[in-house]
Amino acid sequence: MTNVPEHFPLPAFVNWPIFPFEGDFRVREYKELQPHDRPRTGEPGGGPCETCRAGDDAYIWVDERWRVKAPQRVPAVPMQLFLETRVHLDLDDMDAQLAAELGTLVVRLDHAIQTVGGIGRVHVSRWGDGGSHFHMWFYGRPHGAQQMLGFCLPMWSMILPPTPDDVWRQNLVIVAGTLARSGGTAMLTR
């Protein structure tokens, strides 16, 4: 990148009430663009694709083309899930049928996460820089959690104490069962 200033000004959001940090900040030095992106898992030069190696027992819900799993670490939100394709592909590899199913599943997952109760909004994110196997993030923001609004939700989710294990598991059972009522199989039933 040419004409990059030596020091960037801080963005306004560091002063927003939703931003989880306070104190003195500075913007990191911006590194020069590289000729290639670093390889992701599941790509040549990257590590193996753990999603392809995982069995259905690692998921809370599955069907012929999609799977939904919970993160390994219990977050500080009532629900966080990953929607993944069963076959190894990325978003830009989807055909029209799979893309249409994705749209339907986004809505189904939003509804299923809302059935947990106490959810203010369901946040949906897709970054894809770590793994090449398609995955989309879903966060259930607690109702009334004013500091968890917007893009700061994932940060707060990693900072605050985790959801109690018994509540977390029950929430997963609710979401898996709700998804299964419209098709697929709930892999977690109690």
C-alpha atoms as a PDB file:
ATOM      1  CA  MET A   1       0.000   0.000   0.000  1.00  0.00           C
ATOM      2  CA  THR A   2       1.476   3.351  -0.931  1.00  0.00           C
ATOM      3  CA  ASN A   3       1.169   6.624   0.949  1.00  0.00           C
ATOM      4  CA  VAL A   4       0.457   4.957   4.275  1.00  0.00           C
ATOM      5  CA  PRO A   5       0.866   7.457   7.106  1.00  0.00           C
ATOM      6  CA  GLU A   6       3.372   6.573   9.804  1.00  0.00           C
ATOM      7  CA  HIS A   7       0.726   6.826  12.540  1.00  0.00           C
ATOM      8  CA  PHE A   8      -3.000   6.296  12.083  1.00  0.00           C
ATOM      9  CA  PRO A   9      -5.510   8.185  14.217  1.00  0.00           C
ATOM     10  CA  LEU A  10      -7.661   6.120  16.560  1.00  0.00           C
ATOM     11  CA  PRO A  11     -11.144   5.402  15.193  1.00  0.00           C
ATOM     12  CA  ALA A  12     -14.097   6.985  16.992  1.00  0.00           C
ATOM     13  CA  PHE A  13     -15.423   3.611  18.180  1.00  0.00           C
ATOM     14  CA  VAL A  14     -12.720   3.367  20.880  1.00  0.00           C
ATOM     15  CA  ASN A  15     -14.835   5.920  22.758  1.00  0.00           C
ATOM     16  CA  TRP A  16     -18.189   4.219  22.186  1.00  0.00           C
ATOM     17  CA  PRO A  17     -19.826   2.647  25.263  1.00  0.00           C
ATOM     18  CA  ILE A  18     -19.925  -0.749  23.508  1.00  0.00           C
ATOM     19  CA  PHE A  19     -16.137  -0.886  23.083  1.00  0.00           C
ATOM     20  CA  PRO A  20     -14.824  -3.278  25.767  1.00  0.00           C
ATOM     21  CA  PHE A  21     -11.495  -1.580  26.474  1.00  0.00           C
ATOM     22  CA  GLU A  22     -10.399   1.732  27.924  1.00  0.00           C
ATOM     23  CA  GLY A  23      -7.141   3.495  28.451  1.00  0.00           C
ATOM     24  CA  ASP A  24      -4.399   4.569  26.120  1.00  0.00           C
ATOM     25  CA  PHE A  25      -4.392   2.951  22.706  1.00  0.00           C
ATOM     26  CA  ARG A  26      -2.335   3.296  19.615  1.00  0.00           C
ATOM     27  CA  VAL A  27      -2.885   1.848  16.163  1.00  0.00           C
ATOM     28  CA  ARG A  28      -0.396  -0.872  15.240  1.00  0.00           C
ATOM     29  CA  GLU A  29       1.995  -0.328  12.383  1.00  0.00           C
ATOM     30  CA  TYR A  30       0.318  -1.386   9.140  1.00  0.00           C
ATOM     31  CA  LYS A  31       2.428  -4.007   7.399  1.00  0.00           C
ATOM     32  CA  GLU A  32       3.085  -3.953   3.678  1.00  0.00           C
ATOM     33  CA  LEU A  33       0.829  -6.070   1.485  1.00  0.00           C
ATOM     34  CA  GLN A  34       2.194  -9.540   0.842  1.00  0.00           C
ATOM     35  CA  PRO A  35       2.161 -11.253  -2.557  1.00  0.00           C
ATOM     36  CA  HIS A  36      -0.074 -14.042  -1.175  1.00  0.00           C
ATOM     37  CA  ASP A  37      -2.479 -14.649   1.686  1.00  0.00           C
ATOM     38  CA  ARG A  38      -1.262 -17.116   4.275  1.00  0.00           C
ATOM     39  CA  PRO A  39      -2.645 -20.611   3.659  1.00  0.00           C
ATOM     40  CA  ARG A  40      -5.751 -21.515   5.653  1.00  0.00           C
ATOM     41  CA  THR A  41      -6.463 -24.925   7.111  1.00  0.00           C
ATOM     42  CA  GLY A  42      -7.641 -27.237   4.376  1.00  0.00           C
ATOM     43  CA  GLU A  43      -5.568 -25.496   1.690  1.00  0.00           C
ATOM     44  CA  PRO A  44      -2.201 -26.514   0.270  1.00  0.00           C
ATOM     45  CA  GLY A  45       0.459 -25.345   2.721  1.00  0.00           C
ATOM     46  CA  GLY A  46      -2.059 -25.020   5.552  1.00  0.00           C
ATOM     47  CA  GLY A  47      -2.936 -27.520   8.253  1.00  0.00           C
ATOM     48  CA  PRO A  48      -5.449 -30.326   7.777  1.00  0.00           C
ATOM     49  CA  CYS A  49      -9.148 -29.500   7.653  1.00  0.00           C
ATOM     50  CA  GLU A  50     -10.538 -30.462  11.059  1.00  0.00           C
ATOM     51  CA  THR A  51     -14.093 -29.944   9.821  1.00  0.00           C
ATOM     52  CA  CYS A  52     -13.690 -32.669   7.192  1.00  0.00           C
ATOM     53  CA  ARG A  53     -12.226 -35.011   9.820  1.00  0.00           C
ATOM     54  CA  ALA A  54     -14.994 -34.426  12.388  1.00  0.00           C
ATOM     55  CA  GLY A  55     -17.796 -36.957  12.756  1.00  0.00           C
ATOM     56  CA  ASP A  56     -21.441 -36.004  13.160  1.00  0.00           C
ATOM     57  CA  ASP A  57     -21.149 -36.655  16.905  1.00  0.00           C
ATOM     58  CA  ALA A  58     -19.171 -33.379  17.168  1.00  0.00           C
ATOM     59  CA  TYR A  59     -22.263 -31.427  16.057  1.00  0.00           C
ATOM     60  CA  ILE A  60     -25.587 -30.496  17.643  1.00  0.00           C
ATOM     61  CA  TRP A  61     -27.566 -30.791  14.376  1.00  0.00           C
ATOM     62  CA  VAL A  62     -26.898 -32.280  10.939  1.00  0.00           C
ATOM     63  CA  ASP A  63     -28.561 -32.982   7.617  1.00  0.00           C
ATOM     64  CA  GLU A  64     -27.350 -34.273   4.248  1.00  0.00           C
ATOM     65  CA  ARG A  65     -25.533 -31.057   3.313  1.00  0.00           C
ATOM     66  CA  TRP A  66     -25.102 -28.966   6.496  1.00  0.00           C
ATOM     67  CA  ARG A  67     -23.926 -29.274  10.092  1.00  0.00           C
ATOM     68  CA  VAL A  68     -24.150 -26.988  13.139  1.00  0.00           C
ATOM     69  CA  LYS A  69     -21.663 -27.098  15.998  1.00  0.00           C
ATOM     70  CA  ALA A  70     -20.957 -25.244  19.204  1.00  0.00           C
ATOM     71  CA  PRO A  71     -17.541 -23.779  20.031  1.00  0.00           C
ATOM     72  CA  GLN A  72     -15.142 -25.740  22.253  1.00  0.00           C
ATOM     73  CA  ARG A  73     -14.942 -22.901  24.767  1.00  0.00           C
ATOM     74  CA  VAL A  74     -18.269 -21.902  26.306  1.00  0.00           C
ATOM     75  CA  PRO A  75     -18.765 -18.196  25.549  1.00  0.00           C
ATOM     76  CA  ALA A  76     -20.304 -15.452  27.677  1.00  0.00           C
ATOM     77  CA  VAL A  77     -23.444 -15.367  25.530  1.00  0.00           C
ATOM     78  CA  PRO A  78     -26.485 -17.663  25.702  1.00  0.00           C
ATOM     79  CA  MET A  79     -25.682 -19.073  22.245  1.00  0.00           C
ATOM     80  CA  GLN A  80     -22.826 -19.199  19.782  1.00  0.00           C
ATOM     81  CA  LEU A  81     -22.821 -21.637  16.888  1.00  0.00           C
ATOM     82  CA  PHE A  82     -21.100 -22.385  13.613  1.00  0.00           C
ATOM     83  CA  LEU A  83     -22.987 -23.389  10.470  1.00  0.00           C
ATOM     84  CA  GLU A  84     -20.788 -25.489   8.174  1.00  0.00           C
ATOM     85  CA  THR A  85     -21.187 -27.249   4.882  1.00  0.00           C
ATOM     86  CA  ARG A  86     -20.758 -31.001   4.988  1.00  0.00           C
ATOM     87  CA  VAL A  87     -18.520 -31.006   1.900  1.00  0.00           C
ATOM     88  CA  HIS A  88     -15.275 -29.071   1.752  1.00  0.00           C
ATOM     89  CA  LEU A  89     -15.966 -25.868  -0.146  1.00  0.00           C
ATOM     90  CA  ASP A  90     -16.024 -22.148   0.498  1.00  0.00           C
ATOM     91  CA  LEU A  91     -18.697 -19.505  -0.037  1.00  0.00           C
ATOM     92  CA  ASP A  92     -17.601 -18.685  -3.575  1.00  0.00           C
ATOM     93  CA  ASP A  93     -17.756 -22.398  -4.505  1.00  0.00           C
ATOM     94  CA  MET A  94     -21.488 -22.731  -3.720  1.00  0.00           C
ATOM     95  CA  ASP A  95     -23.906 -23.513  -6.502  1.00  0.00           C
ATOM     96  CA  ALA A  96     -27.340 -21.863  -6.644  1.00  0.00           C
ATOM     97  CA  GLN A  97     -29.042 -24.672  -4.698  1.00  0.00           C
ATOM     98  CA  LEU A  98     -26.540 -24.608  -1.828  1.00  0.00           C
ATOM     99  CA  ALA A  99     -26.658 -20.795  -1.747  1.00  0.00           C
ATOM    100  CA  ALA A 100     -30.454 -20.908  -1.489  1.00  0.00           C
ATOM    101  CA  GLU A 101     -30.207 -23.463   1.322  1.00  0.00           C
ATOM    102  CA  LEU A 102     -27.727 -21.187   3.095  1.00  0.00           C
ATOM    103  CA  GLY A 103     -30.235 -18.340   3.061  1.00  0.00           C
ATOM    104  CA  THR A 104     -32.943 -20.607   4.462  1.00  0.00           C
ATOM    105  CA  LEU A 105     -30.616 -21.967   7.151  1.00  0.00           C
ATOM    106  CA  VAL A 106     -29.576 -18.479   8.255  1.00  0.00           C
ATOM    107  CA  VAL A 107     -33.243 -17.703   8.923  1.00  0.00           C
ATOM    108  CA  ARG A 108     -33.852 -21.108  10.580  1.00  0.00           C
ATOM    109  CA  LEU A 109     -30.852 -20.652  12.867  1.00  0.00           C
ATOM    110  CA  ASP A 110     -31.933 -17.125  13.789  1.00  0.00           C
ATOM    111  CA  HIS A 111     -35.360 -18.473  14.739  1.00  0.00           C
ATOM    112  CA  ALA A 112     -33.895 -21.463  16.629  1.00  0.00           C
ATOM    113  CA  ILE A 113     -31.512 -19.261  18.622  1.00  0.00           C
ATOM    114  CA  GLN A 114     -34.391 -16.889  19.467  1.00  0.00           C
ATOM    115  CA  THR A 115     -36.326 -19.839  20.968  1.00  0.00           C
ATOM    116  CA  VAL A 116     -33.707 -20.085  23.729  1.00  0.00           C
ATOM    117  CA  GLY A 117     -35.342 -16.994  25.244  1.00  0.00           C
ATOM    118  CA  GLY A 118     -33.679 -13.862  26.516  1.00  0.00           C
ATOM    119  CA  ILE A 119     -32.039 -13.166  23.148  1.00  0.00           C
ATOM    120  CA  GLY A 120     -31.923  -9.530  22.029  1.00  0.00           C
ATOM    121  CA  ARG A 121     -30.567 -10.152  18.525  1.00  0.00           C
ATOM    122  CA  VAL A 122     -28.808 -12.874  16.591  1.00  0.00           C
ATOM    123  CA  HIS A 123     -25.555 -11.656  15.047  1.00  0.00           C
ATOM    124  CA  VAL A 124     -24.258 -13.458  11.953  1.00  0.00           C
ATOM    125  CA  SER A 125     -20.656 -13.216  10.783  1.00  0.00           C
ATOM    126  CA  ARG A 126     -18.498 -14.786   8.120  1.00  0.00           C
ATOM    127  CA  TRP A 127     -14.762 -14.127   8.127  1.00  0.00           C
ATOM    128  CA  GLY A 128     -13.162 -17.276   6.722  1.00  0.00           C
ATOM    129  CA  ASP A 129      -9.506 -16.323   7.180  1.00  0.00           C
ATOM    130  CA  GLY A 130      -8.616 -19.270   9.441  1.00  0.00           C
ATOM    131  CA  GLY A 131     -10.174 -22.210   7.629  1.00  0.00           C
ATOM    132  CA  SER A 132     -11.080 -22.832   4.007  1.00  0.00           C
ATOM    133  CA  HIS A 133     -14.081 -25.060   4.867  1.00  0.00           C
ATOM    134  CA  PHE A 134     -17.203 -22.868   4.773  1.00  0.00           C
ATOM    135  CA  HIS A 135     -18.345 -21.770   8.216  1.00  0.00           C
ATOM    136  CA  MET A 136     -20.536 -18.967   9.451  1.00  0.00           C
ATOM    137  CA  TRP A 137     -20.701 -17.656  13.036  1.00  0.00           C
ATOM    138  CA  PHE A 138     -23.977 -17.084  14.925  1.00  0.00           C
ATOM    139  CA  TYR A 139     -24.115 -15.252  18.258  1.00  0.00           C
ATOM    140  CA  GLY A 140     -27.202 -14.882  20.430  1.00  0.00           C
ATOM    141  CA  ARG A 141     -26.794 -11.528  22.171  1.00  0.00           C
ATOM    142  CA  PRO A 142     -28.409 -11.426  25.609  1.00  0.00           C
ATOM    143  CA  HIS A 143     -31.490  -9.202  25.712  1.00  0.00           C
ATOM    144  CA  GLY A 144     -30.649  -5.875  27.331  1.00  0.00           C
ATOM    145  CA  ALA A 145     -26.853  -6.316  27.010  1.00  0.00           C
ATOM    146  CA  GLN A 146     -26.282  -2.766  25.817  1.00  0.00           C
ATOM    147  CA  GLN A 147     -22.484  -3.059  25.678  1.00  0.00           C
ATOM    148  CA  MET A 148     -22.681  -6.177  23.478  1.00  0.00           C
ATOM    149  CA  LEU A 149     -24.273  -4.338  20.569  1.00  0.00           C
ATOM    150  CA  GLY A 150     -22.729  -4.621  17.135  1.00  0.00           C
ATOM    151  CA  PHE A 151     -19.239  -5.704  16.240  1.00  0.00           C
ATOM    152  CA  CYS A 152     -18.007  -5.685  19.854  1.00  0.00           C
ATOM    153  CA  LEU A 153     -20.151  -8.722  20.764  1.00  0.00           C
ATOM    154  CA  PRO A 154     -17.456 -11.310  19.871  1.00  0.00           C
ATOM    155  CA  MET A 155     -14.916  -9.467  22.035  1.00  0.00           C
ATOM    156  CA  TRP A 156     -17.243  -9.245  25.039  1.00  0.00           C
ATOM    157  CA  SER A 157     -18.098 -12.916  24.526  1.00  0.00           C
ATOM    158  CA  MET A 158     -14.442 -13.819  25.079  1.00  0.00           C
ATOM    159  CA  ILE A 159     -13.945 -11.425  28.014  1.00  0.00           C
ATOM    160  CA  LEU A 160     -16.927 -11.986  30.327  1.00  0.00           C
ATOM    161  CA  PRO A 161     -17.425 -15.166  32.408  1.00  0.00           C
ATOM    162  CA  PRO A 162     -18.831 -18.088  30.397  1.00  0.00           C
ATOM    163  CA  THR A 163     -22.466 -19.120  30.423  1.00  0.00           C
ATOM    164  CA  PRO A 164     -22.985 -21.740  33.167  1.00  0.00           C
ATOM    165  CA  ASP A 165     -22.481 -25.267  31.760  1.00  0.00           C
ATOM    166  CA  ASP A 166     -26.005 -26.504  32.584  1.00  0.00           C
ATOM    167  CA  VAL A 167     -27.633 -23.449  30.958  1.00  0.00           C
ATOM    168  CA  TRP A 168     -25.305 -23.734  27.954  1.00  0.00           C
ATOM    169  CA  ARG A 169     -26.138 -27.387  27.374  1.00  0.00           C
ATOM    170  CA  GLN A 170     -29.892 -26.792  27.721  1.00  0.00           C
ATOM    171  CA  ASN A 171     -29.678 -23.919  25.230  1.00  0.00           C
ATOM    172  CA  LEU A 172     -27.896 -26.206  22.751  1.00  0.00           C
ATOM    173  CA  VAL A 173     -30.612 -28.850  23.176  1.00  0.00           C
ATOM    174  CA  ILE A 174     -33.304 -26.215  22.510  1.00  0.00           C
ATOM    175  CA  VAL A 175     -31.608 -25.018  19.308  1.00  0.00           C
ATOM    176  CA  ALA A 176     -30.906 -28.557  18.034  1.00  0.00           C
ATOM    177  CA  GLY A 177     -34.518 -29.607  18.651  1.00  0.00           C
ATOM    178  CA  THR A 178     -35.925 -26.496  17.015  1.00  0.00           C
ATOM    179  CA  LEU A 179     -33.787 -27.035  13.920  1.00  0.00           C
ATOM    180  CA  ALA A 180     -34.787 -30.721  13.726  1.00  0.00           C
ATOM    181  CA  ARG A 181     -38.497 -29.866  13.720  1.00  0.00           C
ATOM    182  CA  SER A 182     -37.968 -28.408  10.214  1.00  0.00           C
ATOM    183  CA  GLY A 183     -35.685 -31.207   9.011  1.00  0.00           C
ATOM    184  CA  GLY A 184     -32.354 -32.807   9.748  1.00  0.00           C
ATOM    185  CA  THR A 185     -31.334 -34.606  12.935  1.00  0.00           C
ATOM    186  CA  ALA A 186     -30.744 -33.216  16.423  1.00  0.00           C
ATOM    187  CA  MET A 187     -27.503 -34.817  17.595  1.00  0.00           C
ATOM    188  CA  LEU A 188     -27.931 -33.390  21.082  1.00  0.00           C
ATOM    189  CA  THR A 189     -31.236 -34.265  22.687  1.00  0.00           C
ATOM    190  CA  ARG A 190     -30.634 -33.884  26.436  1.00  0.00           C
END
